[in-house]
Amino acid sequence: MREPVDEDTARRLTALDQALAAGLADHAAGRVKPVEVVAERLKRKYLRMAAERGEA
């Protein structure tokens, strides 16, 4: 049996449920990108950010 949750936790769980439902709907509708594409984009982004800070 689950313990009762406070109002803030309930709100956050509702938001999580909604985000998961949206993600599943996107997947079902084919609105997805291959992980390789996303990983490469993020790699370029963070390398650029590091270079702008003089860390690269």
PDB file of N, CA and C in Angstrom:
ATOM      1  N   MET A   1       0.847  -1.184   0.000  1.00  0.00           N
ATOM      2  CA  MET A   1       0.000   0.000   0.000  1.00  0.00           C
ATOM      3  C   MET A   1       0.888   1.242   0.000  1.00  0.00           C
ATOM      4  N   ARG A   2       0.556   2.202  -0.860  1.00  0.00           N
ATOM      5  CA  ARG A   2       1.339   3.429  -0.948  1.00  0.00           C
ATOM      6  C   ARG A   2       0.959   4.392   0.158  1.00  0.00           C
ATOM      7  N   GLU A   3       1.965   5.107   0.611  1.00  0.00           N
ATOM      8  CA  GLU A   3       1.697   6.151   1.592  1.00  0.00           C
ATOM      9  C   GLU A   3       1.107   7.359   0.875  1.00  0.00           C
ATOM     10  N   PRO A   4       0.290   8.135   1.543  1.00  0.00           N
ATOM     11  CA  PRO A   4      -0.244   9.344   0.914  1.00  0.00           C
ATOM     12  C   PRO A   4       0.895  10.304   0.594  1.00  0.00           C
ATOM     13  N   VAL A   5       0.717  11.045  -0.491  1.00  0.00           N
ATOM     14  CA  VAL A   5       1.744  12.011  -0.891  1.00  0.00           C
ATOM     15  C   VAL A   5       1.241  13.421  -0.637  1.00  0.00           C
ATOM     16  N   ASP A   6       2.197  14.315  -0.407  1.00  0.00           N
ATOM     17  CA  ASP A   6       1.797  15.696  -0.185  1.00  0.00           C
ATOM     18  C   ASP A   6       1.425  16.347  -1.523  1.00  0.00           C
ATOM     19  N   GLU A   7       0.890  17.538  -1.436  1.00  0.00           N
ATOM     20  CA  GLU A   7       0.381  18.226  -2.625  1.00  0.00           C
ATOM     21  C   GLU A   7       1.473  18.462  -3.662  1.00  0.00           C
ATOM     22  N   ASP A   8       2.671  18.858  -3.224  1.00  0.00           N
ATOM     23  CA  ASP A   8       3.762  19.126  -4.158  1.00  0.00           C
ATOM     24  C   ASP A   8       4.181  17.847  -4.872  1.00  0.00           C
ATOM     25  N   THR A   9       4.296  16.763  -4.140  1.00  0.00           N
ATOM     26  CA  THR A   9       4.671  15.485  -4.746  1.00  0.00           C
ATOM     27  C   THR A   9       3.605  15.028  -5.728  1.00  0.00           C
ATOM     28  N   ALA A  10       2.358  15.180  -5.362  1.00  0.00           N
ATOM     29  CA  ALA A  10       1.262  14.801  -6.259  1.00  0.00           C
ATOM     30  C   ALA A  10       1.316  15.623  -7.546  1.00  0.00           C
ATOM     31  N   ARG A  11       1.597  16.905  -7.427  1.00  0.00           N
ATOM     32  CA  ARG A  11       1.693  17.772  -8.601  1.00  0.00           C
ATOM     33  C   ARG A  11       2.847  17.331  -9.495  1.00  0.00           C
ATOM     34  N   ARG A  12       3.982  17.019  -8.887  1.00  0.00           N
ATOM     35  CA  ARG A  12       5.144  16.599  -9.665  1.00  0.00           C
ATOM     36  C   ARG A  12       4.908  15.243 -10.337  1.00  0.00           C
ATOM     37  N   LEU A  13       4.234  14.341  -9.645  1.00  0.00           N
ATOM     38  CA  LEU A  13       3.918  13.050 -10.247  1.00  0.00           C
ATOM     39  C   LEU A  13       2.947  13.205 -11.413  1.00  0.00           C
ATOM     40  N   THR A  14       1.999  14.105 -11.283  1.00  0.00           N
ATOM     41  CA  THR A  14       1.063  14.367 -12.379  1.00  0.00           C
ATOM     42  C   THR A  14       1.807  14.922 -13.586  1.00  0.00           C
ATOM     43  N   ALA A  15       2.735  15.847 -13.353  1.00  0.00           N
ATOM     44  CA  ALA A  15       3.527  16.412 -14.442  1.00  0.00           C
ATOM     45  C   ALA A  15       4.382  15.328 -15.107  1.00  0.00           C
ATOM     46  N   LEU A  16       4.943  14.433 -14.310  1.00  0.00           N
ATOM     47  CA  LEU A  16       5.734  13.337 -14.862  1.00  0.00           C
ATOM     48  C   LEU A  16       4.857  12.422 -15.709  1.00  0.00           C
ATOM     49  N   ASP A  17       3.689  12.079 -15.209  1.00  0.00           N
ATOM     50  CA  ASP A  17       2.765  11.242 -15.976  1.00  0.00           C
ATOM     51  C   ASP A  17       2.421  11.885 -17.310  1.00  0.00           C
ATOM     52  N   GLN A  18       2.186  13.192 -17.305  1.00  0.00           N
ATOM     53  CA  GLN A  18       1.847  13.905 -18.536  1.00  0.00           C
ATOM     54  C   GLN A  18       3.022  13.918 -19.509  1.00  0.00           C
ATOM     55  N   ALA A  19       4.237  14.120 -18.996  1.00  0.00           N
ATOM     56  CA  ALA A  19       5.421  14.129 -19.855  1.00  0.00           C
ATOM     57  C   ALA A  19       5.652  12.754 -20.476  1.00  0.00           C
ATOM     58  N   LEU A  20       5.464  11.700 -19.677  1.00  0.00           N
ATOM     59  CA  LEU A  20       5.621  10.348 -20.212  1.00  0.00           C
ATOM     60  C   LEU A  20       4.572  10.046 -21.277  1.00  0.00           C
ATOM     61  N   ALA A  21       3.350  10.463 -21.041  1.00  0.00           N
ATOM     62  CA  ALA A  21       2.283  10.244 -22.022  1.00  0.00           C
ATOM     63  C   ALA A  21       2.589  10.989 -23.317  1.00  0.00           C
ATOM     64  N   ALA A  22       3.097  12.213 -23.207  1.00  0.00           N
ATOM     65  CA  ALA A  22       3.447  12.988 -24.403  1.00  0.00           C
ATOM     66  C   ALA A  22       4.575  12.308 -25.167  1.00  0.00           C
ATOM     67  N   GLY A  23       5.579  11.809 -24.454  1.00  0.00           N
ATOM     68  CA  GLY A  23       6.681  11.112 -25.112  1.00  0.00           C
ATOM     69  C   GLY A  23       6.227   9.847 -25.819  1.00  0.00           C
ATOM     70  N   LEU A  24       5.353   9.091 -25.176  1.00  0.00           N
ATOM     71  CA  LEU A  24       4.830   7.885 -25.809  1.00  0.00           C
ATOM     72  C   LEU A  24       3.990   8.218 -27.033  1.00  0.00           C
ATOM     73  N   ALA A  25       3.226   9.294 -26.955  1.00  0.00           N
ATOM     74  CA  ALA A  25       2.421   9.720 -28.109  1.00  0.00           C
ATOM     75  C   ALA A  25       3.330  10.153 -29.259  1.00  0.00           C
ATOM     76  N   ASP A  26       4.405  10.881 -28.951  1.00  0.00           N
ATOM     77  CA  ASP A  26       5.362  11.275 -29.987  1.00  0.00           C
ATOM     78  C   ASP A  26       5.958  10.042 -30.657  1.00  0.00           C
ATOM     79  N   HIS A  27       6.345   9.064 -29.858  1.00  0.00           N
ATOM     80  CA  HIS A  27       6.915   7.835 -30.401  1.00  0.00           C
ATOM     81  C   HIS A  27       5.909   7.128 -31.299  1.00  0.00           C
ATOM     82  N   ALA A  28       4.703   6.999 -30.832  1.00  0.00           N
ATOM     83  CA  ALA A  28       3.667   6.316 -31.607  1.00  0.00           C
ATOM     84  C   ALA A  28       3.388   7.026 -32.923  1.00  0.00           C
ATOM     85  N   ALA A  29       3.537   8.349 -32.927  1.00  0.00           N
ATOM     86  CA  ALA A  29       3.268   9.132 -34.130  1.00  0.00           C
ATOM     87  C   ALA A  29       4.500   9.246 -35.032  1.00  0.00           C
ATOM     88  N   GLY A  30       5.610   8.624 -34.607  1.00  0.00           N
ATOM     89  CA  GLY A  30       6.811   8.660 -35.437  1.00  0.00           C
ATOM     90  C   GLY A  30       7.644   9.912 -35.280  1.00  0.00           C
ATOM     91  N   ARG A  31       7.366  10.705 -34.272  1.00  0.00           N
ATOM     92  CA  ARG A  31       8.138  11.939 -34.052  1.00  0.00           C
ATOM     93  C   ARG A  31       9.356  11.614 -33.185  1.00  0.00           C
ATOM     94  N   VAL A  32      10.293  10.896 -33.794  1.00  0.00           N
ATOM     95  CA  VAL A  32      11.503  10.476 -33.092  1.00  0.00           C
ATOM     96  C   VAL A  32      12.715  10.731 -33.976  1.00  0.00           C
ATOM     97  N   LYS A  33      13.894  10.759 -33.355  1.00  0.00           N
ATOM     98  CA  LYS A  33      15.155  10.906 -34.080  1.00  0.00           C
ATOM     99  C   LYS A  33      16.088   9.798 -33.605  1.00  0.00           C
ATOM    100  N   PRO A  34      16.931   9.315 -34.500  1.00  0.00           N
ATOM    101  CA  PRO A  34      17.893   8.288 -34.083  1.00  0.00           C
ATOM    102  C   PRO A  34      18.836   8.833 -33.011  1.00  0.00           C
ATOM    103  N   VAL A  35      19.209   7.983 -32.068  1.00  0.00           N
ATOM    104  CA  VAL A  35      20.074   8.412 -30.971  1.00  0.00           C
ATOM    105  C   VAL A  35      21.402   8.957 -31.502  1.00  0.00           C
ATOM    106  N   GLU A  36      21.895   8.408 -32.594  1.00  0.00           N
ATOM    107  CA  GLU A  36      23.163   8.884 -33.153  1.00  0.00           C
ATOM    108  C   GLU A  36      23.071  10.345 -33.580  1.00  0.00           C
ATOM    109  N   VAL A  37      21.939  10.728 -34.147  1.00  0.00           N
ATOM    110  CA  VAL A  37      21.731  12.108 -34.593  1.00  0.00           C
ATOM    111  C   VAL A  37      21.697  13.046 -33.386  1.00  0.00           C
ATOM    112  N   VAL A  38      20.964  12.655 -32.368  1.00  0.00           N
ATOM    113  CA  VAL A  38      20.843  13.485 -31.171  1.00  0.00           C
ATOM    114  C   VAL A  38      22.188  13.579 -30.457  1.00  0.00           C
ATOM    115  N   ALA A  39      22.893  12.458 -30.330  1.00  0.00           N
ATOM    116  CA  ALA A  39      24.183  12.457 -29.649  1.00  0.00           C
ATOM    117  C   ALA A  39      25.187  13.354 -30.362  1.00  0.00           C
ATOM    118  N   GLU A  40      25.222  13.303 -31.663  1.00  0.00           N
ATOM    119  CA  GLU A  40      26.163  14.151 -32.421  1.00  0.00           C
ATOM    120  C   GLU A  40      25.820  15.628 -32.249  1.00  0.00           C
ATOM    121  N   ARG A  41      24.536  15.956 -32.279  1.00  0.00           N
ATOM    122  CA  ARG A  41      24.126  17.348 -32.090  1.00  0.00           C
ATOM    123  C   ARG A  41      24.538  17.841 -30.705  1.00  0.00           C
ATOM    124  N   LEU A  42      24.305  17.030 -29.685  1.00  0.00           N
ATOM    125  CA  LEU A  42      24.676  17.428 -28.327  1.00  0.00           C
ATOM    126  C   LEU A  42      26.192  17.536 -28.164  1.00  0.00           C
ATOM    127  N   LYS A  43      26.919  16.628 -28.781  1.00  0.00           N
ATOM    128  CA  LYS A  43      28.383  16.683 -28.720  1.00  0.00           C
ATOM    129  C   LYS A  43      28.889  18.003 -29.303  1.00  0.00           C
ATOM    130  N   ARG A  44      28.382  18.368 -30.488  1.00  0.00           N
ATOM    131  CA  ARG A  44      28.787  19.649 -31.106  1.00  0.00           C
ATOM    132  C   ARG A  44      28.411  20.825 -30.216  1.00  0.00           C
ATOM    133  N   LYS A  45      27.216  20.783 -29.646  1.00  0.00           N
ATOM    134  CA  LYS A  45      26.738  21.872 -28.793  1.00  0.00           C
ATOM    135  C   LYS A  45      27.662  22.080 -27.597  1.00  0.00           C
ATOM    136  N   TYR A  46      27.979  20.992 -26.896  1.00  0.00           N
ATOM    137  CA  TYR A  46      28.777  21.135 -25.676  1.00  0.00           C
ATOM    138  C   TYR A  46      30.241  21.417 -25.979  1.00  0.00           C
ATOM    139  N   LEU A  47      30.749  20.934 -27.098  1.00  0.00           N
ATOM    140  CA  LEU A  47      32.104  21.302 -27.495  1.00  0.00           C
ATOM    141  C   LEU A  47      32.177  22.790 -27.827  1.00  0.00           C
ATOM    142  N   ARG A  48      31.148  23.305 -28.500  1.00  0.00           N
ATOM    143  CA  ARG A  48      31.088  24.724 -28.832  1.00  0.00           C
ATOM    144  C   ARG A  48      31.017  25.557 -27.550  1.00  0.00           C
ATOM    145  N   MET A  49      30.190  25.124 -26.595  1.00  0.00           N
ATOM    146  CA  MET A  49      30.069  25.855 -25.337  1.00  0.00           C
ATOM    147  C   MET A  49      31.396  25.861 -24.587  1.00  0.00           C
ATOM    148  N   ALA A  50      32.098  24.729 -24.581  1.00  0.00           N
ATOM    149  CA  ALA A  50      33.401  24.654 -23.899  1.00  0.00           C
ATOM    150  C   ALA A  50      34.397  25.566 -24.591  1.00  0.00           C
ATOM    151  N   ALA A  51      34.379  25.608 -25.902  1.00  0.00           N
ATOM    152  CA  ALA A  51      35.306  26.467 -26.656  1.00  0.00           C
ATOM    153  C   ALA A  51      35.027  27.943 -26.352  1.00  0.00           C
ATOM    154  N   GLU A  52      33.757  28.290 -26.242  1.00  0.00           N
ATOM    155  CA  GLU A  52      33.404  29.680 -25.933  1.00  0.00           C
ATOM    156  C   GLU A  52      33.882  30.092 -24.542  1.00  0.00           C
ATOM    157  N   ARG A  53      33.991  29.118 -23.632  1.00  0.00           N
ATOM    158  CA  ARG A  53      34.499  29.393 -22.286  1.00  0.00           C
ATOM    159  C   ARG A  53      36.017  29.263 -22.216  1.00  0.00           C
ATOM    160  N   GLY A  54      36.628  28.894 -23.346  1.00  0.00           N
ATOM    161  CA  GLY A  54      38.075  28.721 -23.391  1.00  0.00           C
ATOM    162  C   GLY A  54      38.549  27.418 -22.781  1.00  0.00           C
ATOM    163  N   GLU A  55      37.684  26.432 -22.728  1.00  0.00           N
ATOM    164  CA  GLU A  55      38.025  25.147 -22.120  1.00  0.00           C
ATOM    165  C   GLU A  55      38.425  24.099 -23.130  1.00  0.00           C
ATOM    166  N   ALA A  56      38.341  24.434 -24.395  1.00  0.00           N
ATOM    167  CA  ALA A  56      38.674  23.407 -25.418  1.00  0.00           C
ATOM    168  C   ALA A  56      39.887  23.834 -26.200  1.00  0.00           C
TER     169      ALA A  56
END
